[in-house]
Each structure stands twice: as structure tokens, then as C-alpha cells.
Amino acid sequence: VTATVMSNMVLEDLLAKDGIKVFRCQVGDRYVLETMRREGGEIGGEQSGHIIFSRFAKTGDGILTAVQLLGALVQNNKRLPEMGAMMTKYPQILLNVRVADKHGWEEKESIKNIIKKYQEELGDNGQILVRASGTEPLIRIMAEGPQQERLEEIASAIAEVVNSELG
């Protein structure tokens, strides 16, 4: 399975129980498909709901995804709420910080340091993803982990530093 870096960490844990390897890639259908081709993946997608079934198509297809979901429900003799309950996701906080220039943010020591500090705090129980928007003058900050309140504090602290450096 191919999933973007934005996909919930619990997905990887759930699939690992059935011996399914998850390959992570950048956000975007293009990167999902590239990774699927490189790794031989059969299914890939984004948190946004764009799902690619490589056996049938090379792009996301909502109708195909619906048919595949219905097939899985029938095959497992389960209703949709039962299937959905199999995966309890970690909370995710997503903040967008409007900046004057989104380029070069990765070289800012204060930004690198605060990301490192909070990633170390979360350890294996969470993740922090900071990236420039591909289409807007934004830095996107995503924090994921078991405690929503703490994630809000972490994301806000990172946003403050990004704003002070690039705002």
C-alpha cells in the first residue's frame, strides 16, 4: 500500500498486523503513482480520498473506489460502520501559515530546531510534518499524535516560529 506522509500513522500499524507494508511518499497523486510503480503497489492514495487501484486505473477514480469498498464490505460480511471502526485514528492538527516567501524555510535553524524538539517529544507516538504548499504562499504544519490538546499547542508553537521567520 502506498500512502502519503499526511496519512494517519495508525493506518500503517493496522496494515502491519496483516503483514502489509506501507510505503510513504510526498503529497500528490503523481507521487503516489510513482511510488506504486517503483514498489509494485496495488493500492495507493491520499488522505483527501484520492485512491488509485493500479490493476484497474492509473489515476484516482471515485466510482471505482466505491465499487471496491462495496466489494470489501460484501467479502467481509460487514457494514460500513463496522469496517470504519477497525481504525481509530490519531488526532491530526493542520495549520496553514501565510508567508511572504515559502522558499528556503528548511534552512532556518529556528524552524528546524522547534520541529526537532517536538518530534523528539512525540517519538514513535506521533509525527510532525512541515512543508511548503505547492500552490500558495503557505507553510503547512501537521502534527499527529494521541493527545489533541497537546498537538494544538505544538502546531501553534511551530506556527509562531514560522511566522516570525517568514511572515
Protein backbone atom coordinates (compact mmCIF):
# COMPACT_ATOMS: atom_id res chain seq x y z
CA VAL A 1 0.00 0.00 0.00
CA THR A 2 1.25 3.48 -0.81
CA ALA A 3 0.18 6.38 1.40
CA THR A 4 1.33 9.97 1.62
CA VAL A 5 3.17 11.41 4.58
CA MET A 6 -0.14 13.04 5.60
CA SER A 7 -1.89 9.68 6.05
CA ASN A 8 -2.64 8.77 9.64
CA MET A 9 0.08 6.74 11.38
CA VAL A 10 -2.50 4.27 12.66
CA LEU A 11 -3.05 3.06 9.07
CA GLU A 12 0.50 1.72 8.98
CA ASP A 13 0.09 -0.06 12.34
CA LEU A 14 -3.24 -1.60 11.32
CA LEU A 15 -1.94 -2.90 8.00
CA ALA A 16 1.26 -4.25 9.57
CA LYS A 17 -0.88 -6.62 11.66
CA ASP A 18 -1.85 -8.32 8.39
CA GLY A 19 1.72 -8.26 7.06
CA ILE A 20 1.02 -5.40 4.65
CA LYS A 21 3.90 -2.98 4.05
CA VAL A 22 3.11 0.71 3.69
CA PHE A 23 5.33 2.88 1.51
CA ARG A 24 5.23 6.61 2.25
CA CYS A 25 5.57 9.33 -0.37
CA GLN A 26 5.12 13.07 -0.86
CA VAL A 27 1.64 14.55 -1.10
CA GLY A 28 0.16 14.33 -4.59
CA ASP A 29 -1.34 11.70 -6.90
CA ARG A 30 1.77 11.88 -9.05
CA TYR A 31 4.00 10.78 -6.16
CA VAL A 32 1.55 8.09 -5.09
CA LEU A 33 1.57 6.57 -8.57
CA GLU A 34 5.38 6.86 -8.90
CA THR A 35 5.86 5.04 -5.60
CA MET A 36 3.30 2.39 -6.50
CA ARG A 37 5.11 1.71 -9.78
CA ARG A 38 8.53 1.60 -8.10
CA GLU A 39 7.42 -0.64 -5.22
CA GLY A 40 4.89 -2.75 -7.09
CA GLY A 41 1.94 -1.49 -5.09
CA GLU A 42 -1.64 -2.38 -5.90
CA ILE A 43 -3.41 0.33 -3.95
CA GLY A 44 -2.36 3.83 -3.05
CA GLY A 45 -3.93 7.04 -2.02
CA GLU A 46 -4.09 10.27 -0.18
CA GLN A 47 -5.90 11.32 2.96
CA SER A 48 -8.05 13.52 0.73
CA GLY A 49 -9.70 10.38 -0.65
CA HIS A 50 -7.88 10.08 -3.97
CA ILE A 51 -7.38 6.31 -4.23
CA ILE A 52 -5.55 4.52 -7.06
CA PHE A 53 -6.13 0.84 -7.81
CA SER A 54 -3.22 0.05 -10.14
CA ARG A 55 -4.83 -3.10 -11.51
CA PHE A 56 -7.66 -1.02 -12.99
CA ALA A 57 -6.50 2.59 -13.40
CA LYS A 58 -3.54 4.94 -13.15
CA THR A 59 -5.49 7.79 -11.56
CA GLY A 60 -7.87 8.12 -8.65
CA ASP A 61 -11.44 7.20 -9.52
CA GLY A 62 -14.26 7.80 -7.05
CA ILE A 63 -16.66 5.33 -8.65
CA LEU A 64 -14.01 2.59 -8.74
CA THR A 65 -13.19 3.31 -5.09
CA ALA A 66 -16.88 3.00 -4.18
CA VAL A 67 -17.16 -0.32 -6.03
CA GLN A 68 -14.01 -1.65 -4.32
CA LEU A 69 -15.35 -0.55 -0.92
CA LEU A 70 -18.70 -2.27 -1.55
CA GLY A 71 -16.83 -5.41 -2.60
CA ALA A 72 -14.82 -5.37 0.63
CA LEU A 73 -17.99 -4.97 2.68
CA VAL A 74 -19.60 -7.96 0.97
CA GLN A 75 -16.43 -10.08 1.13
CA ASN A 76 -16.07 -9.43 4.88
CA ASN A 77 -19.83 -9.58 5.57
CA LYS A 78 -19.65 -6.26 7.43
CA ARG A 79 -21.49 -2.98 7.39
CA LEU A 80 -19.64 0.28 6.74
CA PRO A 81 -19.66 1.45 10.40
CA GLU A 82 -18.10 -1.87 11.45
CA MET A 83 -15.34 -1.57 8.86
CA GLY A 84 -14.71 2.05 9.81
CA ALA A 85 -14.46 1.17 13.49
CA MET A 86 -11.47 -1.07 12.73
CA MET A 87 -9.25 2.01 12.56
CA THR A 88 -9.28 4.56 15.35
CA LYS A 89 -7.17 7.41 14.02
CA TYR A 90 -4.82 9.63 15.93
CA PRO A 91 -5.93 13.26 16.00
CA GLN A 92 -4.24 15.49 13.44
CA ILE A 93 -3.89 19.24 13.56
CA LEU A 94 -3.28 21.10 10.32
CA LEU A 95 -2.29 24.77 10.33
CA ASN A 96 -1.54 26.94 7.32
CA VAL A 97 0.78 29.88 7.87
CA ARG A 98 0.69 32.55 5.16
CA VAL A 99 4.24 33.72 4.44
CA ALA A 100 5.92 36.33 2.28
CA ASP A 101 8.22 33.70 0.72
CA LYS A 102 7.83 29.96 1.21
CA HIS A 103 11.22 29.13 -0.30
CA GLY A 104 14.21 28.32 1.87
CA TRP A 105 12.27 27.65 5.04
CA GLU A 106 14.13 24.35 5.50
CA GLU A 107 17.41 26.21 6.12
CA LYS A 108 16.07 28.30 9.02
CA GLU A 109 17.72 26.96 12.19
CA SER A 110 14.92 28.12 14.49
CA ILE A 111 12.34 26.24 12.40
CA LYS A 112 14.48 23.10 12.21
CA ASN A 113 15.11 23.22 15.96
CA ILE A 114 11.48 23.57 17.01
CA ILE A 115 10.39 20.76 14.67
CA LYS A 116 13.14 18.53 16.07
CA LYS A 117 12.21 19.40 19.66
CA TYR A 118 8.57 18.40 19.23
CA GLN A 119 9.29 15.36 17.07
CA GLU A 120 11.55 14.09 19.84
CA GLU A 121 8.77 14.73 22.36
CA LEU A 122 6.26 12.73 20.29
CA GLY A 123 8.75 9.98 19.47
CA ASP A 124 7.17 6.95 17.82
CA ASN A 125 3.72 8.05 19.01
CA GLY A 126 3.34 10.92 16.62
CA GLN A 127 4.73 12.91 13.78
CA ILE A 128 5.26 16.46 12.68
CA LEU A 129 5.21 17.36 9.03
CA VAL A 130 6.11 20.84 7.84
CA ARG A 131 6.09 21.60 4.11
CA ALA A 132 5.58 24.43 1.70
CA SER A 133 2.32 24.45 -0.22
CA GLY A 134 2.76 23.62 -3.85
CA THR A 135 0.22 26.21 -4.96
CA GLU A 136 0.03 29.01 -2.38
CA PRO A 137 2.41 31.17 -0.29
CA LEU A 138 1.82 28.92 2.72
CA ILE A 139 3.79 26.72 5.05
CA ARG A 140 1.63 23.79 6.10
CA ILE A 141 2.14 22.35 9.58
CA MET A 142 0.67 18.99 10.51
CA ALA A 143 1.00 17.47 13.97
CA GLU A 144 -0.32 13.98 14.71
CA GLY A 145 -0.38 12.03 17.95
CA PRO A 146 -2.56 10.63 20.70
CA GLN A 147 -3.48 13.89 22.52
CA GLN A 148 -5.28 16.58 20.53
CA GLU A 149 -4.80 19.35 23.09
CA ARG A 150 -1.03 18.85 23.11
CA LEU A 151 -0.95 18.72 19.30
CA GLU A 152 -2.72 22.07 19.14
CA GLU A 153 -0.04 23.56 21.42
CA ILE A 154 2.76 22.02 19.35
CA ALA A 155 1.35 23.15 16.00
CA SER A 156 0.75 26.68 17.33
CA ALA A 157 4.29 26.91 18.70
CA ILE A 158 5.76 25.85 15.35
CA ALA A 159 3.44 28.27 13.52
CA GLU A 160 4.68 31.15 15.70
CA VAL A 161 8.29 30.42 14.78
CA VAL A 162 7.45 30.03 11.08
CA ASN A 163 5.53 33.31 11.16
CA SER A 164 8.34 35.16 12.92
CA GLU A 165 10.91 33.85 10.43
CA LEU A 166 8.93 34.08 7.19
CA GLY A 167 5.83 36.18 7.88
